[in-house]
Protein backbone atom coordinates (compact mmCIF):
# COMPACT_ATOMS: atom_id res chain seq x y z
CA MET A 1 -19.07 19.04 3.54
CA LYS A 2 -16.06 20.11 5.60
CA VAL A 3 -15.60 19.16 9.27
CA LEU A 4 -13.20 20.90 11.65
CA VAL A 5 -11.68 18.29 13.99
CA ILE A 6 -10.11 19.92 17.04
CA GLY A 7 -7.61 17.53 18.59
CA ALA A 8 -7.13 15.65 15.31
CA GLY A 9 -3.69 14.55 16.45
CA GLY A 10 -5.01 12.90 19.60
CA VAL A 11 -6.00 9.32 20.36
CA PHE A 12 -9.68 9.72 19.47
CA GLY A 13 -9.55 12.77 17.20
CA SER A 14 -7.23 11.01 14.76
CA ARG A 15 -9.65 8.09 14.45
CA LEU A 16 -12.55 10.47 13.92
CA ALA A 17 -10.69 12.33 11.18
CA GLU A 18 -9.91 9.05 9.41
CA GLY A 19 -13.55 7.95 9.61
CA LEU A 20 -14.73 11.23 8.16
CA LEU A 21 -12.32 10.94 5.24
CA ARG A 22 -13.53 7.40 4.51
CA HIS A 23 -17.05 8.83 4.19
CA GLY A 24 -15.96 11.58 1.83
CA PHE A 25 -16.01 14.55 4.21
CA GLY A 26 -13.36 17.23 3.98
CA VAL A 27 -11.32 17.56 7.18
CA VAL A 28 -9.58 20.51 8.79
CA ALA A 29 -7.10 19.03 11.30
CA ALA A 30 -6.75 21.51 14.15
CA GLY A 31 -4.68 21.77 17.30
CA ARG A 32 -3.01 24.38 19.46
CA ASP A 33 0.32 24.02 17.69
CA ARG A 34 0.47 24.90 13.98
CA ARG A 35 3.46 22.66 13.30
CA ARG A 36 1.79 19.64 14.86
CA ALA A 37 -1.47 20.35 13.01
CA GLU A 38 0.44 20.46 9.72
CA ALA A 39 2.15 17.17 10.59
CA VAL A 40 -1.22 15.55 11.32
CA ALA A 41 -2.61 16.84 8.03
CA ALA A 42 0.44 15.46 6.19
CA ARG A 43 -0.10 12.00 7.71
CA LEU A 44 -3.74 12.07 6.70
CA ARG A 45 -2.87 13.09 3.14
CA THR A 46 -0.52 10.10 2.92
CA ALA A 47 -3.24 7.73 4.13
CA PHE A 48 -6.00 9.39 2.07
CA PRO A 49 -4.38 10.81 -1.08
CA ASP A 50 -7.78 11.68 -2.55
CA GLY A 51 -9.04 13.34 0.62
CA ARG A 52 -9.65 17.05 1.15
CA ILE A 53 -7.40 17.86 4.11
CA GLU A 54 -6.32 21.17 5.62
CA ALA A 55 -4.62 22.25 8.85
CA ALA A 56 -5.43 24.99 11.35
CA ALA A 57 -4.02 26.24 14.65
CA LEU A 58 -6.78 26.82 17.23
CA ASP A 59 -6.78 27.03 21.01
CA THR A 60 -10.09 26.02 22.59
CA GLU A 61 -9.54 28.48 25.44
CA THR A 62 -9.30 31.52 23.17
CA LEU A 63 -10.96 30.68 19.85
CA THR A 64 -13.81 32.86 18.58
CA ALA A 65 -16.73 32.47 16.22
CA ALA A 66 -14.70 34.30 13.57
CA ASP A 67 -11.85 31.79 13.99
CA LEU A 68 -14.23 28.92 13.35
CA ARG A 69 -15.92 30.56 10.37
CA ALA A 70 -12.51 31.23 8.82
CA THR A 71 -11.87 27.47 8.53
CA GLY A 72 -14.76 27.09 6.09
CA ALA A 73 -16.13 24.14 8.06
CA ALA A 74 -19.85 23.45 8.43
CA ILE A 75 -19.45 21.22 11.49
CA VAL A 76 -17.07 21.53 14.46
CA ALA A 77 -15.97 18.34 16.24
CA ASP A 78 -14.13 18.83 19.55
CA ALA A 79 -12.06 15.79 20.50
CA ALA A 80 -9.45 17.72 22.48
CA GLY A 81 -10.48 17.32 26.14
CA PRO A 82 -10.21 17.03 29.02
CA PHE A 83 -13.79 18.22 29.53
CA GLN A 84 -13.97 17.79 33.32
CA GLY A 85 -14.42 21.23 34.86
CA ALA A 86 -14.22 22.94 31.44
CA GLU A 87 -16.47 25.64 30.03
CA PRO A 88 -18.23 25.01 26.67
CA ASN A 89 -16.23 27.74 24.91
CA THR A 90 -15.94 25.88 21.62
CA ALA A 91 -19.64 24.98 21.54
CA GLN A 92 -20.60 28.59 22.27
CA ALA A 93 -18.31 29.86 19.53
CA ALA A 94 -19.66 27.31 17.05
CA ILE A 95 -23.26 28.28 17.79
CA ALA A 96 -22.39 31.97 17.47
CA ALA A 97 -20.76 31.17 14.12
CA GLY A 98 -23.85 29.31 12.91
CA LEU A 99 -21.99 25.99 12.77
CA HIS A 100 -23.09 22.57 13.95
CA TYR A 101 -21.10 21.09 16.83
CA VAL A 102 -20.31 17.69 18.33
CA ASP A 103 -17.84 16.64 21.01
CA LEU A 104 -16.54 13.50 22.70
CA ALA A 105 -17.03 14.86 26.22
CA ASP A 106 -17.13 12.39 29.10
CA GLY A 107 -17.06 15.05 31.82
CA ARG A 108 -20.12 14.66 34.02
CA ASP A 109 -20.40 18.35 34.92
CA PHE A 110 -19.77 19.45 31.34
CA VAL A 111 -22.50 17.22 29.89
CA ALA A 112 -24.99 18.11 32.65
CA ALA A 113 -24.64 21.85 31.96
CA PHE A 114 -24.67 21.60 28.17
CA PRO A 115 -28.48 21.96 27.66
CA GLU A 116 -28.11 25.56 28.84
CA LEU A 117 -27.00 26.24 25.25
CA ASP A 118 -30.22 24.87 23.80
CA ARG A 119 -32.03 28.17 23.28
CA ALA A 120 -29.06 29.73 21.49
CA ALA A 121 -28.59 26.65 19.29
CA LYS A 122 -32.24 26.62 18.27
CA ALA A 123 -32.13 30.34 17.52
CA ALA A 124 -29.09 29.74 15.29
CA ARG A 125 -30.77 26.66 13.77
CA VAL A 126 -27.77 24.45 14.50
CA VAL A 127 -27.31 21.08 16.17
CA ALA A 128 -24.99 20.93 19.19
CA LEU A 129 -24.39 17.50 20.72
CA THR A 130 -22.18 16.64 23.67
CA GLY A 131 -21.02 13.19 24.78
CA CYS A 132 -20.83 11.64 21.30
CA SER A 133 -18.61 8.85 22.57
CA SER A 134 -18.67 5.48 24.34
CA THR A 135 -20.26 7.32 27.26
CA PRO A 136 -22.95 8.49 27.14
CA ALA A 137 -23.94 8.04 23.45
CA LEU A 138 -23.10 4.35 22.93
CA SER A 139 -23.97 3.16 26.42
CA ASN A 140 -27.42 4.80 26.27
CA ALA A 141 -28.10 3.54 22.74
CA VAL A 142 -27.40 0.02 23.98
CA LEU A 143 -29.71 0.40 26.97
CA ASP A 144 -32.45 1.86 24.75
CA ARG A 145 -32.29 -1.38 22.79
CA LEU A 146 -31.99 -3.75 25.75
CA THR A 147 -34.88 -2.25 27.74
CA GLU A 148 -37.23 -1.51 24.83
CA GLY A 149 -40.83 -2.19 25.89
CA TRP A 150 -39.95 -3.13 29.49
CA ARG A 151 -42.48 -2.46 32.24
CA GLU A 152 -39.80 -1.77 34.83
CA VAL A 153 -36.05 -1.35 34.99
CA VAL A 154 -34.49 -2.55 38.23
CA ALA A 155 -30.77 -2.00 37.60
CA VAL A 156 -28.47 -0.85 34.81
CA GLU A 157 -24.72 -0.95 34.49
CA ALA A 158 -22.06 -0.16 31.91
CA ALA A 159 -18.37 -1.07 32.05
CA ILE A 160 -15.38 -0.27 29.84
CA SER A 161 -12.00 -1.99 29.87
CA PRO A 162 -9.47 -0.72 27.27
CA GLY A 163 -6.69 -2.97 26.03
CA ALA A 164 -3.37 -2.81 27.86
CA ARG A 165 -1.55 -1.21 24.95
CA ALA A 166 -4.31 1.17 23.94
CA PRO A 167 -2.78 4.65 23.62
CA ARG A 168 -3.66 6.88 26.57
CA GLY A 169 -3.28 10.57 25.91
CA LEU A 170 -2.43 13.08 28.61
CA SER A 171 -5.96 14.53 28.56
CA VAL A 172 -7.46 11.07 29.17
CA MET A 173 -5.19 10.51 32.17
CA GLN A 174 -5.94 13.97 33.55
CA ALA A 175 -9.67 13.31 33.20
CA ILE A 176 -9.41 10.08 35.21
CA LEU A 177 -7.29 11.68 37.93
CA SER A 178 -9.73 14.58 38.30
CA TRP A 179 -12.20 12.31 40.13
CA LEU A 180 -10.01 9.43 41.36
CA GLY A 181 -10.59 8.93 45.09
CA ARG A 182 -12.94 11.89 45.31
CA PRO A 183 -16.66 11.76 46.15
CA VAL A 184 -18.82 10.59 43.26
CA ARG A 185 -22.62 10.82 43.47
CA VAL A 186 -24.17 7.42 42.62
CA PHE A 187 -27.71 6.03 42.52
CA GLU A 188 -27.41 2.78 44.49
CA VAL A 189 -29.73 0.76 46.75
CA GLY A 190 -32.59 2.94 45.55
CA ARG A 191 -31.10 6.26 46.62
CA TRP A 192 -28.38 8.77 45.83
CA THR A 193 -25.20 8.29 47.82
CA PRO A 194 -21.58 9.49 47.63
CA ARG A 195 -18.84 6.96 46.88
CA PRO A 196 -15.14 7.49 46.18
CA GLY A 197 -14.13 7.41 42.52
CA TRP A 198 -12.43 4.15 41.49
CA SER A 199 -13.82 2.35 44.54
CA GLY A 200 -14.93 -1.26 44.45
CA LEU A 201 -12.93 -4.09 42.90
CA TYR A 202 -15.60 -5.80 40.82
CA ARG A 203 -15.02 -8.58 38.30
CA ARG A 204 -17.08 -8.64 35.12
CA ASP A 205 -17.27 -11.06 32.21
CA PHE A 206 -16.31 -9.36 28.94
CA GLY A 207 -16.82 -12.45 26.81
CA GLN A 208 -13.89 -13.11 24.49
CA ALA A 209 -11.88 -10.48 26.36
CA GLY A 210 -12.20 -12.52 29.58
CA ARG A 211 -13.11 -11.59 33.14
CA ARG A 212 -11.64 -8.29 34.24
CA ARG A 213 -11.51 -6.04 37.27
CA VAL A 214 -13.45 -2.77 37.11
CA SER A 215 -14.19 0.04 39.56
CA LEU A 216 -16.53 3.01 39.88
CA CYS A 217 -15.99 5.61 37.15
CA ASP A 218 -17.41 9.15 37.19
CA THR A 219 -19.16 9.72 33.86
CA PRO A 220 -22.31 11.50 32.61
CA ASP A 221 -24.11 8.15 32.65
CA LEU A 222 -24.32 8.24 36.44
CA ASP A 223 -26.85 11.07 35.97
CA LEU A 224 -28.35 10.03 32.64
CA PHE A 225 -29.08 6.38 33.46
CA PRO A 226 -31.34 7.22 36.44
CA ALA A 227 -33.00 10.09 34.56
CA ARG A 228 -33.72 8.11 31.38
CA PHE A 229 -34.33 4.55 32.59
CA ARG A 230 -35.65 5.11 36.13
CA PRO A 231 -34.01 2.03 37.67
CA ARG A 232 -35.52 1.00 40.98
CA GLU A 233 -32.28 -0.13 42.59
CA ARG A 234 -29.05 1.11 40.99
CA ALA A 235 -27.24 2.67 38.03
CA LEU A 236 -23.47 2.19 37.77
CA PHE A 237 -20.68 2.98 35.35
CA LEU A 238 -17.46 1.05 35.85
CA ALA A 239 -14.07 1.15 34.17
CA GLY A 240 -10.94 -0.97 34.29
CA LEU A 241 -7.27 -1.03 33.38
CA GLU A 242 -5.30 -3.87 31.89
CA PRO A 243 -3.38 -5.74 33.17
CA TRP A 244 -4.93 -6.24 36.59
CA PRO A 245 -1.91 -4.98 38.61
CA ALA A 246 -2.33 -1.60 36.88
CA HIS A 247 -5.97 -1.56 37.90
CA VAL A 248 -5.19 -2.45 41.51
CA GLY A 249 -2.45 0.20 41.53
CA ALA A 250 -5.01 2.82 40.49
CA TRP A 251 -7.32 1.53 43.23
CA VAL A 252 -4.55 1.99 45.83
CA LEU A 253 -3.86 5.51 44.54
CA ALA A 254 -7.57 6.31 44.85
CA ARG A 255 -7.53 5.19 48.49
CA LEU A 256 -4.51 7.44 49.15
CA VAL A 257 -6.27 10.41 47.54
CA GLU A 258 -9.35 9.66 49.64
CA GLU A 259 -7.37 9.57 52.88
CA LEU A 260 -4.73 12.25 52.27
CA ARG A 261 -6.89 14.58 50.12
CA PHE A 262 -4.20 15.60 47.63
CA ASP A 263 -4.59 16.45 43.94
CA PRO A 264 -3.24 13.63 41.75
CA VAL A 265 -3.71 15.46 38.41
CA PRO A 266 -0.10 16.76 38.35
CA LEU A 267 1.01 13.11 38.37
CA ALA A 268 -0.63 12.46 34.98
CA GLY A 269 2.61 12.45 32.97
CA LEU A 270 4.40 10.15 35.40
CA LEU A 271 1.47 7.74 35.56
CA LEU A 272 1.33 7.57 31.77
CA GLN A 273 4.94 6.36 31.82
CA VAL A 274 4.25 3.84 34.59
CA SER A 275 1.19 2.49 32.75
CA SER A 276 3.35 1.88 29.67
CA TRP A 277 5.56 -0.43 31.77
CA PHE A 278 2.55 -2.52 32.78
CA ALA A 279 1.20 -2.61 29.21
CA VAL A 280 3.51 -5.37 27.99
CA ALA A 281 1.88 -7.88 30.36
CA GLY A 282 -1.83 -7.36 29.69
CA SER A 283 -4.38 -8.27 27.04
CA ASP A 284 -4.51 -5.86 24.12
CA ARG A 285 -8.20 -6.48 23.48
CA GLY A 286 -10.49 -3.62 24.37
CA ALA A 287 -13.96 -4.38 25.71
CA MET A 288 -17.25 -2.81 26.75
CA ARG A 289 -20.17 -4.35 28.59
CA VAL A 290 -23.72 -3.03 29.23
CA GLU A 291 -26.25 -4.86 31.40
CA ALA A 292 -29.88 -4.26 32.37
CA GLY A 293 -32.24 -6.14 34.66
CA GLY A 294 -35.96 -5.64 34.98
CA VAL A 295 -39.42 -6.78 33.92
CA ASP A 296 -40.33 -7.07 30.23
CA ALA A 297 -43.65 -6.37 28.49
CA GLU A 298 -44.96 -9.87 29.32
CA GLY A 299 -44.19 -9.48 33.01
CA ARG A 300 -41.17 -11.79 32.94
CA THR A 301 -38.03 -11.06 34.91
CA ARG A 302 -35.35 -10.31 32.39
CA ARG A 303 -31.59 -9.83 32.35
CA ALA A 304 -29.95 -8.59 29.16
CA VAL A 305 -26.23 -8.15 28.49
CA TRP A 306 -24.54 -6.53 25.48
CA ARG A 307 -20.81 -6.91 24.94
CA LEU A 308 -18.31 -5.40 22.55
CA VAL A 309 -14.79 -6.74 21.99
CA ALA A 310 -12.15 -4.88 19.99
CA GLU A 311 -9.24 -6.74 18.47
CA PRO A 312 -5.71 -5.48 19.30
CA GLY A 313 -5.15 -1.95 18.07
CA GLU A 314 -8.82 -1.30 17.27
CA GLY A 315 -10.14 -0.34 20.72
CA PRO A 316 -9.35 3.40 20.52
CA VAL A 317 -11.63 3.78 17.48
CA THR A 318 -14.75 2.94 19.53
CA PRO A 319 -15.18 6.35 21.26
CA SER A 320 -15.01 8.12 17.89
CA LEU A 321 -17.79 6.11 16.25
CA PRO A 322 -20.79 7.83 17.88
CA ALA A 323 -19.33 11.20 16.85
CA LEU A 324 -18.91 9.93 13.30
CA ALA A 325 -22.50 8.64 13.26
CA ALA A 326 -23.75 11.95 14.68
CA ILE A 327 -21.91 14.00 12.05
CA ARG A 328 -23.33 11.86 9.27
CA ALA A 329 -26.83 12.27 10.73
CA ILE A 330 -26.40 16.05 11.00
CA ALA A 331 -25.12 16.23 7.42
CA GLY A 332 -28.17 14.24 6.34
CA GLY A 333 -30.56 16.60 8.13
CA ARG A 334 -31.78 13.85 10.47
CA ILE A 335 -31.26 15.68 13.78
CA ALA A 336 -33.33 18.66 14.89
CA PRO A 337 -31.57 21.88 15.97
CA GLY A 338 -30.82 22.35 19.65
CA ALA A 339 -28.16 21.64 22.25
CA ARG A 340 -28.30 18.44 24.28
CA ALA A 341 -26.48 15.30 25.30
CA CYS A 342 -26.17 12.69 22.56
CA VAL A 343 -28.70 10.29 24.11
CA GLY A 344 -31.93 9.24 22.44
CA VAL A 345 -30.48 10.83 19.28
CA LEU A 346 -28.68 7.89 17.65
CA THR A 347 -29.90 4.31 17.56
CA LEU A 348 -27.62 1.41 18.31
CA ASP A 349 -27.82 0.47 14.63
CA ASP A 350 -26.53 3.94 13.68
CA ILE A 351 -23.39 3.41 15.74
CA VAL A 352 -22.86 -0.28 14.97
CA ALA A 353 -22.96 0.57 11.25
CA GLU A 354 -19.75 2.57 11.76
CA MET A 355 -17.96 -0.49 13.19
CA ALA A 356 -17.81 -2.34 9.87
CA PRO A 357 -14.27 -1.28 8.80
CA HIS A 358 -12.84 -2.19 12.21
CA GLY A 359 -12.14 -5.33 14.22
CA LEU A 360 -15.10 -4.89 16.55
CA THR A 361 -17.61 -7.60 17.40
CA THR A 362 -20.77 -7.36 19.49
CA GLU A 363 -23.15 -9.86 21.07
CA THR A 364 -26.39 -9.68 23.06
CA MET A 365 -27.60 -12.27 25.58
CA VAL A 366 -31.04 -12.30 27.16
CA GLU A 367 -32.23 -14.39 30.11
CA ARG A 368 -35.96 -14.61 30.90
CA ASP A 369 -37.82 -16.06 33.86
CA GLU A 370 -41.46 -17.11 33.90
CA PRO A 371 -43.94 -14.40 35.00
């Protein structure tokens, strides 16, 4: 089966393409620029001499169903981004072409609106999944496992802290800046309330990756956690930058945006350069942490924490693994047609199984009190 990977030259798309080739899929490496797409395909052929690899030039803003059908792919994977404020043009074109679709979207508005495509996807008998990434696919799969059988969920939280030298593409930086310092709707203290993006200077224990600073991050999980797990008190998603001066610098920028109300997105290129200067001083381990508190089936107060640590250089593969697991499940006929967020679709075991070739370790800790 052939998979079209849009953004195959990017930070996450390149890892997804490599994972697909390891599993025997054919890959069409696509991007806006034909020359760059050919260069990406050439690199993949060197790494996977037995792989079936092609190149294509596609622009997500103008592509059509005919463009997608012409690639000969059965599944379209969009790893291009940024998805914040974007329209689901590629998903619509894939559905119209009768092709399955997955993306790595972390845009809250994009993921929230995606189920509007459900009727068309079912009519075309194709699967369309959004958010096949660390958020919301992996974070929700972890919480499904941690809270299984619980009587009540009181609070849930997820946090991500990439390694200092993890590559940060322009689209990733633009996505962060789109909500930095701007109002973010959060379920906290039992009610919905607005808080500025990247507010709060929390410290969280990431196990072998150490204690790190994290702040409020605007992701689809801020909607999906309350809807799926019904926490009584709060649902947070936090993110951090390594080393800590880079994180505090982003916090200061967020406060300036909040006070002066300017658009920081045009600064994305400059901030990428600045972040590279900080990178030499921080830990290169990537980390993720998911926590839930509540009452289990026996009526005992329970706190459960799941942690992932990525060895240097391996962190950027993590967001691609849920998409890889989803594509394999679609190819195996294990997902029903329709368009929806990739939550409640993959189990934690499905995603963890894709971690085997990489330097990723996970652990789960559970604390119980007497009823």
